[in-house]
Amino acid sequence: MLAALSGCHQLAYLHLCAVAGIVVVEYVDHAEGVMATKPDGAGQFTRVMLRPKVTVAAGSNVAKAKELHHEAHAMCFIARSVNFPVENEPEILVG
């Protein structure tokens, strides 16, 4: 589930960056999930945090690069389909 959410966000984000003319040099995500288990052993995610660390090319609009994570989240069909919060804390570096 974490890989699917992370991958969906990444693909939406890279698309938006390409459209905006932002060159992404590197993209790494350290996604974390919180799960709850029931006494019978059943479990479910209760929250997911995506922590993408993105390096953009020198001269890129860093503020726009960070803003696009919000738009990518809104576009991600997996995040829109789950019944728990999916948040993101992006870090933008210039390389």
C-alpha atoms as a PDB file:
ATOM      1  CA  MET A   1       0.000   0.000   0.000  1.00  0.00           C
ATOM      2  CA  LEU A   2       2.814   2.391   0.873  1.00  0.00           C
ATOM      3  CA  ALA A   3       4.594   1.688  -2.417  1.00  0.00           C
ATOM      4  CA  ALA A   4       1.374   2.217  -4.383  1.00  0.00           C
ATOM      5  CA  LEU A   5       0.629   5.535  -2.685  1.00  0.00           C
ATOM      6  CA  SER A   6       4.214   6.700  -3.042  1.00  0.00           C
ATOM      7  CA  GLY A   7       4.407   5.672  -6.701  1.00  0.00           C
ATOM      8  CA  CYS A   8       1.105   7.311  -7.586  1.00  0.00           C
ATOM      9  CA  HIS A   9       2.170  10.568  -5.951  1.00  0.00           C
ATOM     10  CA  GLN A  10       5.571  10.433  -7.672  1.00  0.00           C
ATOM     11  CA  LEU A  11       4.089   9.911 -11.137  1.00  0.00           C
ATOM     12  CA  ALA A  12       1.580  12.747 -10.711  1.00  0.00           C
ATOM     13  CA  TYR A  13       4.316  15.011  -9.333  1.00  0.00           C
ATOM     14  CA  LEU A  14       6.784  14.282 -12.139  1.00  0.00           C
ATOM     15  CA  HIS A  15       4.080  14.965 -14.716  1.00  0.00           C
ATOM     16  CA  LEU A  16       3.247  18.312 -13.112  1.00  0.00           C
ATOM     17  CA  CYS A  17       6.928  19.255 -12.924  1.00  0.00           C
ATOM     18  CA  ALA A  18       7.415  18.437 -16.607  1.00  0.00           C
ATOM     19  CA  VAL A  19       4.446  20.627 -17.546  1.00  0.00           C
ATOM     20  CA  ALA A  20       5.770  23.465 -15.330  1.00  0.00           C
ATOM     21  CA  GLY A  21       9.286  23.213 -16.774  1.00  0.00           C
ATOM     22  CA  ILE A  22      10.849  22.059 -13.504  1.00  0.00           C
ATOM     23  CA  VAL A  23      13.678  19.588 -14.070  1.00  0.00           C
ATOM     24  CA  VAL A  24      13.732  16.879 -11.401  1.00  0.00           C
ATOM     25  CA  VAL A  25      17.221  15.445 -10.966  1.00  0.00           C
ATOM     26  CA  GLU A  26      16.428  12.989  -8.169  1.00  0.00           C
ATOM     27  CA  TYR A  27      13.327  11.790  -6.324  1.00  0.00           C
ATOM     28  CA  VAL A  28      13.374   9.595  -3.222  1.00  0.00           C
ATOM     29  CA  ASP A  29      10.434   8.956  -0.906  1.00  0.00           C
ATOM     30  CA  HIS A  30      10.568   7.666   2.653  1.00  0.00           C
ATOM     31  CA  ALA A  31       6.911   6.747   3.156  1.00  0.00           C
ATOM     32  CA  GLU A  32       5.639   5.642   6.556  1.00  0.00           C
ATOM     33  CA  GLY A  33       2.339   4.127   7.544  1.00  0.00           C
ATOM     34  CA  VAL A  34       0.526   3.710  10.825  1.00  0.00           C
ATOM     35  CA  MET A  35      -1.552   0.578  11.237  1.00  0.00           C
ATOM     36  CA  ALA A  36      -4.062  -0.505  13.837  1.00  0.00           C
ATOM     37  CA  THR A  37      -4.728  -4.148  14.611  1.00  0.00           C
ATOM     38  CA  LYS A  38      -7.853  -5.661  16.081  1.00  0.00           C
ATOM     39  CA  PRO A  39      -7.855  -8.386  18.747  1.00  0.00           C
ATOM     40  CA  ASP A  40      -8.765 -10.942  16.075  1.00  0.00           C
ATOM     41  CA  GLY A  41      -5.582 -10.046  14.124  1.00  0.00           C
ATOM     42  CA  ALA A  42      -7.270  -7.981  11.424  1.00  0.00           C
ATOM     43  CA  GLY A  43      -5.556  -4.717  10.660  1.00  0.00           C
ATOM     44  CA  GLN A  44      -5.794  -1.576   8.632  1.00  0.00           C
ATOM     45  CA  PHE A  45      -3.845   1.556   7.840  1.00  0.00           C
ATOM     46  CA  THR A  46      -4.963   4.582   9.828  1.00  0.00           C
ATOM     47  CA  ARG A  47      -2.555   7.143   8.346  1.00  0.00           C
ATOM     48  CA  VAL A  48       0.211   7.416   5.742  1.00  0.00           C
ATOM     49  CA  MET A  49       2.916  10.067   5.527  1.00  0.00           C
ATOM     50  CA  LEU A  50       4.871  10.506   2.308  1.00  0.00           C
ATOM     51  CA  ARG A  51       8.242  12.222   2.701  1.00  0.00           C
ATOM     52  CA  PRO A  52       9.517  12.879  -0.811  1.00  0.00           C
ATOM     53  CA  LYS A  53      13.018  14.340  -1.048  1.00  0.00           C
ATOM     54  CA  VAL A  54      13.271  15.973  -4.455  1.00  0.00           C
ATOM     55  CA  THR A  55      16.342  17.506  -6.058  1.00  0.00           C
ATOM     56  CA  VAL A  56      15.594  19.977  -8.841  1.00  0.00           C
ATOM     57  CA  ALA A  57      18.025  21.480 -11.329  1.00  0.00           C
ATOM     58  CA  ALA A  58      19.618  24.838 -10.571  1.00  0.00           C
ATOM     59  CA  GLY A  59      17.414  27.658 -11.801  1.00  0.00           C
ATOM     60  CA  SER A  60      14.195  25.762 -11.093  1.00  0.00           C
ATOM     61  CA  ASN A  61      11.367  27.494  -9.256  1.00  0.00           C
ATOM     62  CA  VAL A  62      11.729  25.913  -5.802  1.00  0.00           C
ATOM     63  CA  ALA A  63       8.492  27.406  -4.439  1.00  0.00           C
ATOM     64  CA  LYS A  64       6.544  26.011  -7.405  1.00  0.00           C
ATOM     65  CA  ALA A  65       8.293  22.643  -7.029  1.00  0.00           C
ATOM     66  CA  LYS A  66       7.072  22.451  -3.432  1.00  0.00           C
ATOM     67  CA  GLU A  67       3.570  23.665  -4.318  1.00  0.00           C
ATOM     68  CA  LEU A  68       3.177  20.960  -6.953  1.00  0.00           C
ATOM     69  CA  HIS A  69       3.160  18.294  -4.221  1.00  0.00           C
ATOM     70  CA  HIS A  70      -0.247  19.601  -3.137  1.00  0.00           C
ATOM     71  CA  GLU A  71      -1.539  19.335  -6.704  1.00  0.00           C
ATOM     72  CA  ALA A  72      -0.018  15.863  -7.116  1.00  0.00           C
ATOM     73  CA  HIS A  73      -1.797  14.718  -3.966  1.00  0.00           C
ATOM     74  CA  ALA A  74      -5.105  15.978  -5.351  1.00  0.00           C
ATOM     75  CA  MET A  75      -4.465  14.065  -8.609  1.00  0.00           C
ATOM     76  CA  CYS A  76      -3.417  10.735  -7.073  1.00  0.00           C
ATOM     77  CA  PHE A  77      -6.314   8.334  -7.613  1.00  0.00           C
ATOM     78  CA  ILE A  78      -5.027   5.914  -4.978  1.00  0.00           C
ATOM     79  CA  ALA A  79      -4.816   8.580  -2.250  1.00  0.00           C
ATOM     80  CA  ARG A  80      -8.295   9.737  -3.266  1.00  0.00           C
ATOM     81  CA  SER A  81      -9.613   6.177  -2.941  1.00  0.00           C
ATOM     82  CA  VAL A  82      -8.453   5.157   0.531  1.00  0.00           C
ATOM     83  CA  ASN A  83     -10.362   5.720   3.766  1.00  0.00           C
ATOM     84  CA  PHE A  84      -7.467   7.102   5.813  1.00  0.00           C
ATOM     85  CA  PRO A  85      -5.480  10.330   5.589  1.00  0.00           C
ATOM     86  CA  VAL A  86      -2.488  10.471   3.258  1.00  0.00           C
ATOM     87  CA  GLU A  87      -0.236  13.432   3.954  1.00  0.00           C
ATOM     88  CA  ASN A  88       3.069  14.576   2.540  1.00  0.00           C
ATOM     89  CA  GLU A  89       6.059  16.494   3.853  1.00  0.00           C
ATOM     90  CA  PRO A  90       8.201  17.277   0.819  1.00  0.00           C
ATOM     91  CA  GLU A  91      11.784  18.466   0.953  1.00  0.00           C
ATOM     92  CA  ILE A  92      13.087  20.328  -2.093  1.00  0.00           C
ATOM     93  CA  LEU A  93      16.822  20.580  -2.764  1.00  0.00           C
ATOM     94  CA  VAL A  94      18.650  22.306  -5.599  1.00  0.00           C
ATOM     95  CA  GLY A  95      21.389  20.298  -7.249  1.00  0.00           C
END
